[in-house]
PDB file of N, CA and C in Angstrom:
ATOM      1  N   MET A   1      79.608  22.626 -43.925  1.00  0.00           N
ATOM      2  CA  MET A   1      78.736  21.788 -43.122  1.00  0.00           C
ATOM      3  C   MET A   1      78.461  22.526 -41.814  1.00  0.00           C
ATOM      4  N   GLY A   2      77.191  22.655 -41.485  1.00  0.00           N
ATOM      5  CA  GLY A   2      76.793  23.393 -40.298  1.00  0.00           C
ATOM      6  C   GLY A   2      76.884  22.560 -39.029  1.00  0.00           C
ATOM      7  N   PHE A   3      76.789  23.265 -37.922  1.00  0.00           N
ATOM      8  CA  PHE A   3      76.873  22.622 -36.605  1.00  0.00           C
ATOM      9  C   PHE A   3      75.767  21.597 -36.414  1.00  0.00           C
ATOM     10  N   ASN A   4      74.548  21.944 -36.832  1.00  0.00           N
ATOM     11  CA  ASN A   4      73.440  21.001 -36.661  1.00  0.00           C
ATOM     12  C   ASN A   4      73.610  19.763 -37.535  1.00  0.00           C
ATOM     13  N   GLN A   5      74.219  19.916 -38.703  1.00  0.00           N
ATOM     14  CA  GLN A   5      74.478  18.747 -39.552  1.00  0.00           C
ATOM     15  C   GLN A   5      75.521  17.832 -38.923  1.00  0.00           C
ATOM     16  N   ILE A   6      76.531  18.429 -38.311  1.00  0.00           N
ATOM     17  CA  ILE A   6      77.549  17.630 -37.631  1.00  0.00           C
ATOM     18  C   ILE A   6      76.928  16.877 -36.457  1.00  0.00           C
ATOM     19  N   LEU A   7      76.079  17.563 -35.681  1.00  0.00           N
ATOM     20  CA  LEU A   7      75.394  16.897 -34.562  1.00  0.00           C
ATOM     21  C   LEU A   7      74.540  15.730 -35.053  1.00  0.00           C
ATOM     22  N   THR A   8      73.850  15.934 -36.156  1.00  0.00           N
ATOM     23  CA  THR A   8      72.998  14.870 -36.699  1.00  0.00           C
ATOM     24  C   THR A   8      73.832  13.685 -37.160  1.00  0.00           C
ATOM     25  N   ILE A   9      74.934  13.943 -37.839  1.00  0.00           N
ATOM     26  CA  ILE A   9      75.796  12.854 -38.315  1.00  0.00           C
ATOM     27  C   ILE A   9      76.400  12.092 -37.138  1.00  0.00           C
ATOM     28  N   VAL A  10      76.878  12.817 -36.132  1.00  0.00           N
ATOM     29  CA  VAL A  10      77.449  12.152 -34.951  1.00  0.00           C
ATOM     30  C   VAL A  10      76.364  11.346 -34.237  1.00  0.00           C
ATOM     31  N   GLY A  11      75.157  11.903 -34.145  1.00  0.00           N
ATOM     32  CA  GLY A  11      74.056  11.172 -33.529  1.00  0.00           C
ATOM     33  C   GLY A  11      73.711   9.899 -34.282  1.00  0.00           C
ATOM     34  N   LEU A  12      73.718   9.972 -35.606  1.00  0.00           N
ATOM     35  CA  LEU A  12      73.458   8.772 -36.403  1.00  0.00           C
ATOM     36  C   LEU A  12      74.549   7.727 -36.202  1.00  0.00           C
ATOM     37  N   LEU A  13      75.796   8.176 -36.151  1.00  0.00           N
ATOM     38  CA  LEU A  13      76.900   7.237 -35.911  1.00  0.00           C
ATOM     39  C   LEU A  13      76.772   6.584 -34.536  1.00  0.00           C
ATOM     40  N   ILE A  14      76.430   7.370 -33.521  1.00  0.00           N
ATOM     41  CA  ILE A  14      76.234   6.805 -32.181  1.00  0.00           C
ATOM     42  C   ILE A  14      75.068   5.825 -32.196  1.00  0.00           C
ATOM     43  N   SER A  15      74.003   6.153 -32.924  1.00  0.00           N
ATOM     44  CA  SER A  15      72.846   5.266 -33.012  1.00  0.00           C
ATOM     45  C   SER A  15      73.224   3.902 -33.569  1.00  0.00           C
ATOM     46  N   ILE A  16      74.120   3.899 -34.525  1.00  0.00           N
ATOM     47  CA  ILE A  16      74.533   2.645 -35.155  1.00  0.00           C
ATOM     48  C   ILE A  16      75.560   1.912 -34.304  1.00  0.00           C
ATOM     49  N   VAL A  17      76.593   2.627 -33.866  1.00  0.00           N
ATOM     50  CA  VAL A  17      77.694   1.988 -33.139  1.00  0.00           C
ATOM     51  C   VAL A  17      77.228   1.452 -31.786  1.00  0.00           C
ATOM     52  N   ALA A  18      76.289   2.150 -31.141  1.00  0.00           N
ATOM     53  CA  ALA A  18      75.833   1.724 -29.815  1.00  0.00           C
ATOM     54  C   ALA A  18      75.150   0.355 -29.842  1.00  0.00           C
ATOM     55  N   VAL A  19      74.616  -0.021 -30.989  1.00  0.00           N
ATOM     56  CA  VAL A  19      73.951  -1.320 -31.096  1.00  0.00           C
ATOM     57  C   VAL A  19      74.968  -2.455 -31.008  1.00  0.00           C
ATOM     58  N   PHE A  20      76.187  -2.210 -31.453  1.00  0.00           N
ATOM     59  CA  PHE A  20      77.181  -3.268 -31.528  1.00  0.00           C
ATOM     60  C   PHE A  20      78.213  -3.250 -30.398  1.00  0.00           C
ATOM     61  N   PHE A  21      78.279  -2.152 -29.646  1.00  0.00           N
ATOM     62  CA  PHE A  21      79.234  -2.056 -28.546  1.00  0.00           C
ATOM     63  C   PHE A  21      78.509  -1.759 -27.242  1.00  0.00           C
ATOM     64  N   ALA A  22      78.523  -2.722 -26.344  1.00  0.00           N
ATOM     65  CA  ALA A  22      77.777  -2.602 -25.091  1.00  0.00           C
ATOM     66  C   ALA A  22      78.292  -1.459 -24.224  1.00  0.00           C
ATOM     67  N   GLU A  23      79.576  -1.137 -24.327  1.00  0.00           N
ATOM     68  CA  GLU A  23      80.139  -0.056 -23.512  1.00  0.00           C
ATOM     69  C   GLU A  23      79.487   1.281 -23.855  1.00  0.00           C
ATOM     70  N   LEU A  24      79.229   1.497 -25.128  1.00  0.00           N
ATOM     71  CA  LEU A  24      78.603   2.738 -25.561  1.00  0.00           C
ATOM     72  C   LEU A  24      77.089   2.708 -25.349  1.00  0.00           C
ATOM     73  N   ALA A  25      76.507   1.528 -25.399  1.00  0.00           N
ATOM     74  CA  ALA A  25      75.058   1.402 -25.278  1.00  0.00           C
ATOM     75  C   ALA A  25      74.548   1.913 -23.940  1.00  0.00           C
ATOM     76  N   ALA A  26      75.358   1.805 -22.898  1.00  0.00           N
ATOM     77  CA  ALA A  26      74.929   2.253 -21.576  1.00  0.00           C
ATOM     78  C   ALA A  26      74.686   3.757 -21.543  1.00  0.00           C
ATOM     79  N   TYR A  27      75.418   4.516 -22.341  1.00  0.00           N
ATOM     80  CA  TYR A  27      75.301   5.976 -22.337  1.00  0.00           C
ATOM     81  C   TYR A  27      74.693   6.537 -23.615  1.00  0.00           C
ATOM     82  N   SER A  28      74.379   5.685 -24.558  1.00  0.00           N
ATOM     83  CA  SER A  28      73.915   6.176 -25.852  1.00  0.00           C
ATOM     84  C   SER A  28      72.598   6.930 -25.752  1.00  0.00           C
ATOM     85  N   GLY A  29      71.686   6.474 -24.928  1.00  0.00           N
ATOM     86  CA  GLY A  29      70.406   7.168 -24.785  1.00  0.00           C
ATOM     87  C   GLY A  29      70.586   8.596 -24.310  1.00  0.00           C
ATOM     88  N   LEU A  30      71.417   8.769 -23.291  1.00  0.00           N
ATOM     89  CA  LEU A  30      71.685  10.106 -22.767  1.00  0.00           C
ATOM     90  C   LEU A  30      72.357  10.980 -23.821  1.00  0.00           C
ATOM     91  N   LEU A  31      73.363  10.427 -24.498  1.00  0.00           N
ATOM     92  CA  LEU A  31      74.057  11.191 -25.539  1.00  0.00           C
ATOM     93  C   LEU A  31      73.105  11.594 -26.662  1.00  0.00           C
ATOM     94  N   LEU A  32      72.246  10.675 -27.076  1.00  0.00           N
ATOM     95  CA  LEU A  32      71.337  10.966 -28.181  1.00  0.00           C
ATOM     96  C   LEU A  32      70.311  12.018 -27.801  1.00  0.00           C
ATOM     97  N   VAL A  33      69.794  11.960 -26.579  1.00  0.00           N
ATOM     98  CA  VAL A  33      68.843  12.995 -26.139  1.00  0.00           C
ATOM     99  C   VAL A  33      69.541  14.349 -26.078  1.00  0.00           C
ATOM    100  N   ILE A  34      70.764  14.383 -25.574  1.00  0.00           N
ATOM    101  CA  ILE A  34      71.504  15.646 -25.502  1.00  0.00           C
ATOM    102  C   ILE A  34      71.752  16.196 -26.904  1.00  0.00           C
ATOM    103  N   PHE A  35      72.186  15.347 -27.839  1.00  0.00           N
ATOM    104  CA  PHE A  35      72.401  15.808 -29.209  1.00  0.00           C
ATOM    105  C   PHE A  35      71.098  16.313 -29.821  1.00  0.00           C
ATOM    106  N   GLY A  36      70.006  15.610 -29.562  1.00  0.00           N
ATOM    107  CA  GLY A  36      68.709  16.048 -30.080  1.00  0.00           C
ATOM    108  C   GLY A  36      68.272  17.378 -29.486  1.00  0.00           C
ATOM    109  N   LEU A  37      68.460  17.539 -28.174  1.00  0.00           N
ATOM    110  CA  LEU A  37      68.103  18.807 -27.526  1.00  0.00           C
ATOM    111  C   LEU A  37      68.929  19.959 -28.080  1.00  0.00           C
ATOM    112  N   VAL A  38      70.238  19.752 -28.168  1.00  0.00           N
ATOM    113  CA  VAL A  38      71.115  20.817 -28.684  1.00  0.00           C
ATOM    114  C   VAL A  38      70.738  21.143 -30.125  1.00  0.00           C
ATOM    115  N   ASN A  39      70.523  20.128 -30.933  1.00  0.00           N
ATOM    116  CA  ASN A  39      70.150  20.336 -32.328  1.00  0.00           C
ATOM    117  C   ASN A  39      68.824  21.084 -32.420  1.00  0.00           C
ATOM    118  N   GLY A  40      67.877  20.731 -31.575  1.00  0.00           N
ATOM    119  CA  GLY A  40      66.575  21.394 -31.583  1.00  0.00           C
ATOM    120  C   GLY A  40      66.645  22.843 -31.135  1.00  0.00           C
ATOM    121  N   PHE A  41      67.505  23.149 -30.162  1.00  0.00           N
ATOM    122  CA  PHE A  41      67.648  24.532 -29.704  1.00  0.00           C
ATOM    123  C   PHE A  41      68.471  25.371 -30.678  1.00  0.00           C
ATOM    124  N   VAL A  42      69.503  24.762 -31.307  1.00  0.00           N
ATOM    125  CA  VAL A  42      70.369  25.509 -32.217  1.00  0.00           C
ATOM    126  C   VAL A  42      69.640  25.835 -33.523  1.00  0.00           C
ATOM    127  N   SER A  43      68.916  24.882 -34.050  1.00  0.00           N
ATOM    128  CA  SER A  43      68.189  25.119 -35.309  1.00  0.00           C
ATOM    129  C   SER A  43      66.740  24.663 -35.148  1.00  0.00           C
ATOM    130  N   PRO A  44      65.932  25.506 -34.524  1.00  0.00           N
ATOM    131  CA  PRO A  44      64.534  25.125 -34.313  1.00  0.00           C
ATOM    132  C   PRO A  44      63.766  25.036 -35.631  1.00  0.00           C
ATOM    133  N   ILE A  45      62.766  24.203 -35.637  1.00  0.00           N
ATOM    134  CA  ILE A  45      61.916  24.034 -36.806  1.00  0.00           C
ATOM    135  C   ILE A  45      60.850  25.119 -36.735  1.00  0.00           C
ATOM    136  N   ALA A  46      60.842  25.990 -37.726  1.00  0.00           N
ATOM    137  CA  ALA A  46      59.998  27.173 -37.662  1.00  0.00           C
ATOM    138  C   ALA A  46      58.522  26.889 -37.955  1.00  0.00           C
ATOM    139  N   ASP A  47      58.253  26.038 -38.908  1.00  0.00           N
ATOM    140  CA  ASP A  47      56.856  25.851 -39.304  1.00  0.00           C
ATOM    141  C   ASP A  47      56.188  24.722 -38.531  1.00  0.00           C
ATOM    142  N   LEU A  48      54.894  24.868 -38.350  1.00  0.00           N
ATOM    143  CA  LEU A  48      54.110  23.898 -37.584  1.00  0.00           C
ATOM    144  C   LEU A  48      54.096  22.535 -38.260  1.00  0.00           C
ATOM    145  N   THR A  49      54.068  22.504 -39.576  1.00  0.00           N
ATOM    146  CA  THR A  49      54.046  21.232 -40.303  1.00  0.00           C
ATOM    147  C   THR A  49      55.326  20.434 -40.057  1.00  0.00           C
ATOM    148  N   GLY A  50      56.452  21.099 -40.067  1.00  0.00           N
ATOM    149  CA  GLY A  50      57.724  20.426 -39.800  1.00  0.00           C
ATOM    150  C   GLY A  50      57.790  19.884 -38.389  1.00  0.00           C
ATOM    151  N   ARG A  51      57.333  20.686 -37.420  1.00  0.00           N
ATOM    152  CA  ARG A  51      57.326  20.214 -36.029  1.00  0.00           C
ATOM    153  C   ARG A  51      56.408  19.015 -35.870  1.00  0.00           C
ATOM    154  N   MET A  52      55.263  19.058 -36.533  1.00  0.00           N
ATOM    155  CA  MET A  52      54.322  17.935 -36.465  1.00  0.00           C
ATOM    156  C   MET A  52      54.938  16.684 -37.086  1.00  0.00           C
ATOM    157  N   ALA A  53      55.630  16.844 -38.195  1.00  0.00           N
ATOM    158  CA  ALA A  53      56.253  15.691 -38.861  1.00  0.00           C
ATOM    159  C   ALA A  53      57.308  15.053 -37.968  1.00  0.00           C
ATOM    160  N   TYR A  54      58.134  15.863 -37.308  1.00  0.00           N
ATOM    161  CA  TYR A  54      59.144  15.320 -36.405  1.00  0.00           C
ATOM    162  C   TYR A  54      58.505  14.625 -35.210  1.00  0.00           C
ATOM    163  N   THR A  55      57.415  15.188 -34.697  1.00  0.00           N
ATOM    164  CA  THR A  55      56.725  14.569 -33.562  1.00  0.00           C
ATOM    165  C   THR A  55      56.140  13.216 -33.951  1.00  0.00           C
ATOM    166  N   VAL A  56      55.498  13.170 -35.098  1.00  0.00           N
ATOM    167  CA  VAL A  56      54.922  11.905 -35.569  1.00  0.00           C
ATOM    168  C   VAL A  56      56.024  10.884 -35.826  1.00  0.00           C
ATOM    169  N   ALA A  57      57.128  11.318 -36.408  1.00  0.00           N
ATOM    170  CA  ALA A  57      58.243  10.401 -36.676  1.00  0.00           C
ATOM    171  C   ALA A  57      58.827   9.855 -35.376  1.00  0.00           C
ATOM    172  N   ALA A  58      58.985  10.723 -34.368  1.00  0.00           N
ATOM    173  CA  ALA A  58      59.556  10.275 -33.091  1.00  0.00           C
ATOM    174  C   ALA A  58      58.664   9.251 -32.411  1.00  0.00           C
ATOM    175  N   VAL A  59      57.360   9.374 -32.600  1.00  0.00           N
ATOM    176  CA  VAL A  59      56.427   8.426 -31.977  1.00  0.00           C
ATOM    177  C   VAL A  59      56.287   7.160 -32.819  1.00  0.00           C
ATOM    178  N   ALA A  60      56.213   7.317 -34.129  1.00  0.00           N
ATOM    179  CA  ALA A  60      55.898   6.179 -35.001  1.00  0.00           C
ATOM    180  C   ALA A  60      57.099   5.292 -35.322  1.00  0.00           C
ATOM    181  N   MET A  61      58.293   5.872 -35.365  1.00  0.00           N
ATOM    182  CA  MET A  61      59.459   5.075 -35.764  1.00  0.00           C
ATOM    183  C   MET A  61      59.699   3.856 -34.883  1.00  0.00           C
ATOM    184  N   PRO A  62      59.654   3.967 -33.549  1.00  0.00           N
ATOM    185  CA  PRO A  62      59.854   2.759 -32.736  1.00  0.00           C
ATOM    186  C   PRO A  62      58.765   1.711 -32.937  1.00  0.00           C
ATOM    187  N   VAL A  63      57.544   2.165 -33.185  1.00  0.00           N
ATOM    188  CA  VAL A  63      56.447   1.218 -33.405  1.00  0.00           C
ATOM    189  C   VAL A  63      56.678   0.443 -34.694  1.00  0.00           C
ATOM    190  N   VAL A  64      57.062   1.141 -35.739  1.00  0.00           N
ATOM    191  CA  VAL A  64      57.335   0.487 -37.022  1.00  0.00           C
ATOM    192  C   VAL A  64      58.578  -0.393 -36.920  1.00  0.00           C
ATOM    193  N   ALA A  65      59.587   0.089 -36.198  1.00  0.00           N
ATOM    194  CA  ALA A  65      60.837  -0.669 -36.073  1.00  0.00           C
ATOM    195  C   ALA A  65      60.625  -2.003 -35.375  1.00  0.00           C
ATOM    196  N   ASN A  66      59.655  -2.089 -34.494  1.00  0.00           N
ATOM    197  CA  ASN A  66      59.401  -3.355 -33.798  1.00  0.00           C
ATOM    198  C   ASN A  66      59.051  -4.480 -34.756  1.00  0.00           C
ATOM    199  N   SER A  67      58.477  -4.147 -35.883  1.00  0.00           N
ATOM    200  CA  SER A  67      58.123  -5.189 -36.855  1.00  0.00           C
ATOM    201  C   SER A  67      59.360  -5.744 -37.566  1.00  0.00           C
ATOM    202  N   LEU A  68      60.498  -5.069 -37.459  1.00  0.00           N
ATOM    203  CA  LEU A  68      61.711  -5.554 -38.118  1.00  0.00           C
ATOM    204  C   LEU A  68      62.347  -6.728 -37.383  1.00  0.00           C
ATOM    205  N   ASP A  69      61.909  -6.998 -36.166  1.00  0.00           N
ATOM    206  CA  ASP A  69      62.476  -8.111 -35.406  1.00  0.00           C
ATOM    207  C   ASP A  69      62.278  -9.460 -36.087  1.00  0.00           C
ATOM    208  N   VAL A  70      61.326  -9.557 -36.987  1.00  0.00           N
ATOM    209  CA  VAL A  70      61.068 -10.835 -37.648  1.00  0.00           C
ATOM    210  C   VAL A  70      62.108 -11.164 -38.720  1.00  0.00           C
ATOM    211  N   ILE A  71      62.930 -10.190 -39.107  1.00  0.00           N
ATOM    212  CA  ILE A  71      63.971 -10.447 -40.100  1.00  0.00           C
ATOM    213  C   ILE A  71      65.104 -11.201 -39.409  1.00  0.00           C
ATOM    214  N   PRO A  72      65.419 -12.400 -39.889  1.00  0.00           N
ATOM    215  CA  PRO A  72      66.470 -13.182 -39.234  1.00  0.00           C
ATOM    216  C   PRO A  72      67.843 -12.502 -39.343  1.00  0.00           C
ATOM    217  N   GLY A  73      68.561 -12.547 -38.265  1.00  0.00           N
ATOM    218  CA  GLY A  73      69.933 -12.060 -38.265  1.00  0.00           C
ATOM    219  C   GLY A  73      70.098 -10.574 -37.996  1.00  0.00           C
ATOM    220  N   ILE A  74      69.487  -9.728 -38.822  1.00  0.00           N
ATOM    221  CA  ILE A  74      69.725  -8.293 -38.685  1.00  0.00           C
ATOM    222  C   ILE A  74      68.519  -7.513 -38.181  1.00  0.00           C
ATOM    223  N   GLY A  75      67.367  -8.129 -38.107  1.00  0.00           N
ATOM    224  CA  GLY A  75      66.152  -7.417 -37.711  1.00  0.00           C
ATOM    225  C   GLY A  75      66.245  -6.773 -36.343  1.00  0.00           C
ATOM    226  N   MET A  76      66.802  -7.501 -35.395  1.00  0.00           N
ATOM    227  CA  MET A  76      66.948  -6.986 -34.035  1.00  0.00           C
ATOM    228  C   MET A  76      67.861  -5.761 -34.020  1.00  0.00           C
ATOM    229  N   HIS A  77      68.924  -5.796 -34.817  1.00  0.00           N
ATOM    230  CA  HIS A  77      69.865  -4.675 -34.874  1.00  0.00           C
ATOM    231  C   HIS A  77      69.239  -3.461 -35.567  1.00  0.00           C
ATOM    232  N   LEU A  78      68.504  -3.701 -36.646  1.00  0.00           N
ATOM    233  CA  LEU A  78      67.822  -2.604 -37.322  1.00  0.00           C
ATOM    234  C   LEU A  78      66.809  -1.939 -36.395  1.00  0.00           C
ATOM    235  N   ASN A  79      66.086  -2.737 -35.641  1.00  0.00           N
ATOM    236  CA  ASN A  79      65.121  -2.217 -34.673  1.00  0.00           C
ATOM    237  C   ASN A  79      65.824  -1.313 -33.668  1.00  0.00           C
ATOM    238  N   ALA A  80      66.939  -1.758 -33.136  1.00  0.00           N
ATOM    239  CA  ALA A  80      67.661  -0.973 -32.135  1.00  0.00           C
ATOM    240  C   ALA A  80      68.223   0.315 -32.730  1.00  0.00           C
ATOM    241  N   ILE A  81      68.701   0.266 -33.960  1.00  0.00           N
ATOM    242  CA  ILE A  81      69.233   1.468 -34.606  1.00  0.00           C
ATOM    243  C   ILE A  81      68.126   2.498 -34.797  1.00  0.00           C
ATOM    244  N   ILE A  82      66.987   2.050 -35.294  1.00  0.00           N
ATOM    245  CA  ILE A  82      65.873   2.972 -35.506  1.00  0.00           C
ATOM    246  C   ILE A  82      65.346   3.504 -34.178  1.00  0.00           C
ATOM    247  N   ASP A  83      65.319   2.673 -33.159  1.00  0.00           N
ATOM    248  CA  ASP A  83      64.925   3.152 -31.831  1.00  0.00           C
ATOM    249  C   ASP A  83      65.877   4.238 -31.337  1.00  0.00           C
ATOM    250  N   ASN A  84      67.179   4.055 -31.573  1.00  0.00           N
ATOM    251  CA  ASN A  84      68.155   5.068 -31.166  1.00  0.00           C
ATOM    252  C   ASN A  84      67.965   6.378 -31.925  1.00  0.00           C
ATOM    253  N   ILE A  85      67.694   6.286 -33.204  1.00  0.00           N
ATOM    254  CA  ILE A  85      67.440   7.494 -33.989  1.00  0.00           C
ATOM    255  C   ILE A  85      66.191   8.204 -33.467  1.00  0.00           C
ATOM    256  N   ALA A  86      65.176   7.435 -33.104  1.00  0.00           N
ATOM    257  CA  ALA A  86      63.953   8.028 -32.556  1.00  0.00           C
ATOM    258  C   ALA A  86      64.220   8.733 -31.231  1.00  0.00           C
ATOM    259  N   ILE A  87      65.178   8.237 -30.453  1.00  0.00           N
ATOM    260  CA  ILE A  87      65.542   8.911 -29.199  1.00  0.00           C
ATOM    261  C   ILE A  87      66.121  10.293 -29.503  1.00  0.00           C
ATOM    262  N   MET A  88      66.971  10.370 -30.524  1.00  0.00           N
ATOM    263  CA  MET A  88      67.539  11.660 -30.899  1.00  0.00           C
ATOM    264  C   MET A  88      66.435  12.594 -31.416  1.00  0.00           C
ATOM    265  N   LEU A  89      65.525  12.074 -32.208  1.00  0.00           N
ATOM    266  CA  LEU A  89      64.408  12.875 -32.689  1.00  0.00           C
ATOM    267  C   LEU A  89      63.542  13.364 -31.537  1.00  0.00           C
ATOM    268  N   ALA A  90      63.366  12.531 -30.525  1.00  0.00           N
ATOM    269  CA  ALA A  90      62.574  12.942 -29.367  1.00  0.00           C
ATOM    270  C   ALA A  90      63.203  14.137 -28.672  1.00  0.00           C
ATOM    271  N   GLY A  91      64.525  14.167 -28.585  1.00  0.00           N
ATOM    272  CA  GLY A  91      65.201  15.328 -28.017  1.00  0.00           C
ATOM    273  C   GLY A  91      64.942  16.582 -28.833  1.00  0.00           C
ATOM    274  N   MET A  92      64.962  16.452 -30.158  1.00  0.00           N
ATOM    275  CA  MET A  92      64.665  17.592 -31.021  1.00  0.00           C
ATOM    276  C   MET A  92      63.239  18.066 -30.836  1.00  0.00           C
ATOM    277  N   VAL A  93      62.311  17.129 -30.720  1.00  0.00           N
ATOM    278  CA  VAL A  93      60.900  17.471 -30.531  1.00  0.00           C
ATOM    279  C   VAL A  93      60.699  18.193 -29.196  1.00  0.00           C
ATOM    280  N   ILE A  94      61.347  17.709 -28.156  1.00  0.00           N
ATOM    281  CA  ILE A  94      61.230  18.347 -26.841  1.00  0.00           C
ATOM    282  C   ILE A  94      61.770  19.776 -26.894  1.00  0.00           C
ATOM    283  N   ALA A  95      62.919  19.967 -27.534  1.00  0.00           N
ATOM    284  CA  ALA A  95      63.502  21.311 -27.642  1.00  0.00           C
ATOM    285  C   ALA A  95      62.570  22.238 -28.404  1.00  0.00           C
ATOM    286  N   ASN A  96      62.013  21.770 -29.505  1.00  0.00           N
ATOM    287  CA  ASN A  96      61.101  22.596 -30.287  1.00  0.00           C
ATOM    288  C   ASN A  96      59.813  22.889 -29.525  1.00  0.00           C
ATOM    289  N   PHE A  97      59.334  21.927 -28.756  1.00  0.00           N
ATOM    290  CA  PHE A  97      58.147  22.144 -27.932  1.00  0.00           C
ATOM    291  C   PHE A  97      58.420  23.223 -26.887  1.00  0.00           C
ATOM    292  N   LEU A  98      59.571  23.141 -26.219  1.00  0.00           N
ATOM    293  CA  LEU A  98      59.916  24.145 -25.212  1.00  0.00           C
ATOM    294  C   LEU A  98      60.053  25.533 -25.827  1.00  0.00           C
ATOM    295  N   LEU A  99      60.630  25.609 -27.018  1.00  0.00           N
ATOM    296  CA  LEU A  99      60.736  26.905 -27.694  1.00  0.00           C
ATOM    297  C   LEU A  99      59.361  27.448 -28.089  1.00  0.00           C
ATOM    298  N   ALA A 100      58.462  26.567 -28.514  1.00  0.00           N
ATOM    299  CA  ALA A 100      57.107  27.003 -28.869  1.00  0.00           C
ATOM    300  C   ALA A 100      56.360  27.497 -27.633  1.00  0.00           C
ATOM    301  N   VAL A 101      56.541  26.820 -26.509  1.00  0.00           N
ATOM    302  CA  VAL A 101      55.904  27.275 -25.263  1.00  0.00           C
ATOM    303  C   VAL A 101      56.467  28.621 -24.849  1.00  0.00           C
ATOM    304  N   LYS A 102      57.783  28.761 -24.940  1.00  0.00           N
ATOM    305  CA  LYS A 102      58.413  30.049 -24.601  1.00  0.00           C
ATOM    306  C   LYS A 102      57.876  31.163 -25.485  1.00  0.00           C
ATOM    307  N   ASP A 103      57.742  30.898 -26.791  1.00  0.00           N
ATOM    308  CA  ASP A 103      57.242  31.914 -27.704  1.00  0.00           C
ATOM    309  C   ASP A 103      55.792  32.277 -27.438  1.00  0.00           C
ATOM    310  N   SER A 104      55.025  31.331 -26.931  1.00  0.00           N
ATOM    311  CA  SER A 104      53.621  31.645 -26.640  1.00  0.00           C
ATOM    312  C   SER A 104      53.459  32.399 -25.325  1.00  0.00           C
ATOM    313  N   ILE A 105      54.438  32.299 -24.447  1.00  0.00           N
ATOM    314  CA  ILE A 105      54.354  32.976 -23.139  1.00  0.00           C
ATOM    315  C   ILE A 105      55.016  34.358 -23.196  1.00  0.00           C
ATOM    316  N   LEU A 106      56.224  34.407 -23.743  1.00  0.00           N
ATOM    317  CA  LEU A 106      56.980  35.653 -23.770  1.00  0.00           C
ATOM    318  C   LEU A 106      56.666  36.423 -25.048  1.00  0.00           C
ATOM    319  N   PRO A 107      56.607  37.741 -24.942  1.00  0.00           N
ATOM    320  CA  PRO A 107      56.343  38.526 -26.166  1.00  0.00           C
ATOM    321  C   PRO A 107      57.530  38.451 -27.121  1.00  0.00           C
ATOM    322  N   SER A 108      57.257  38.658 -28.385  1.00  0.00           N
ATOM    323  CA  SER A 108      58.304  38.632 -29.393  1.00  0.00           C
ATOM    324  C   SER A 108      59.266  39.785 -29.181  1.00  0.00           C
ATOM    325  N   SER A 109      60.544  39.566 -29.424  1.00  0.00           N
ATOM    326  CA  SER A 109      61.557  40.586 -29.177  1.00  0.00           C
ATOM    327  C   SER A 109      61.802  41.428 -30.429  1.00  0.00           C
ATOM    328  N   ASN A 110      60.939  41.355 -31.442  1.00  0.00           N
ATOM    329  CA  ASN A 110      61.120  42.130 -32.685  1.00  0.00           C
ATOM    330  C   ASN A 110      60.834  43.579 -32.453  1.00  0.00           C
TER     331      ASN A 110
END
């Protein structure tokens, strides 16, 4: 299991646990962005299609998750979990964007 897979699994666990424990919820956003940034810098997405898919997912997931609030009992929790996952994805998207900008400015080191 690679480092990026471990970061993703820990991020998913934080996304879920933070919904049910208020103590963790206060710092979960920061932790998820950091995990997303580290994951994005450690294993950048090389192809444009993959980067576009992650960007669309980071933007669309919270919008879609808002419709889950109508489910009695668990809808609010599902919405919050998906919102947390989208925060981690946003960190990955930001890291990949910064790497793409760096690659367009600095010459290739090959």
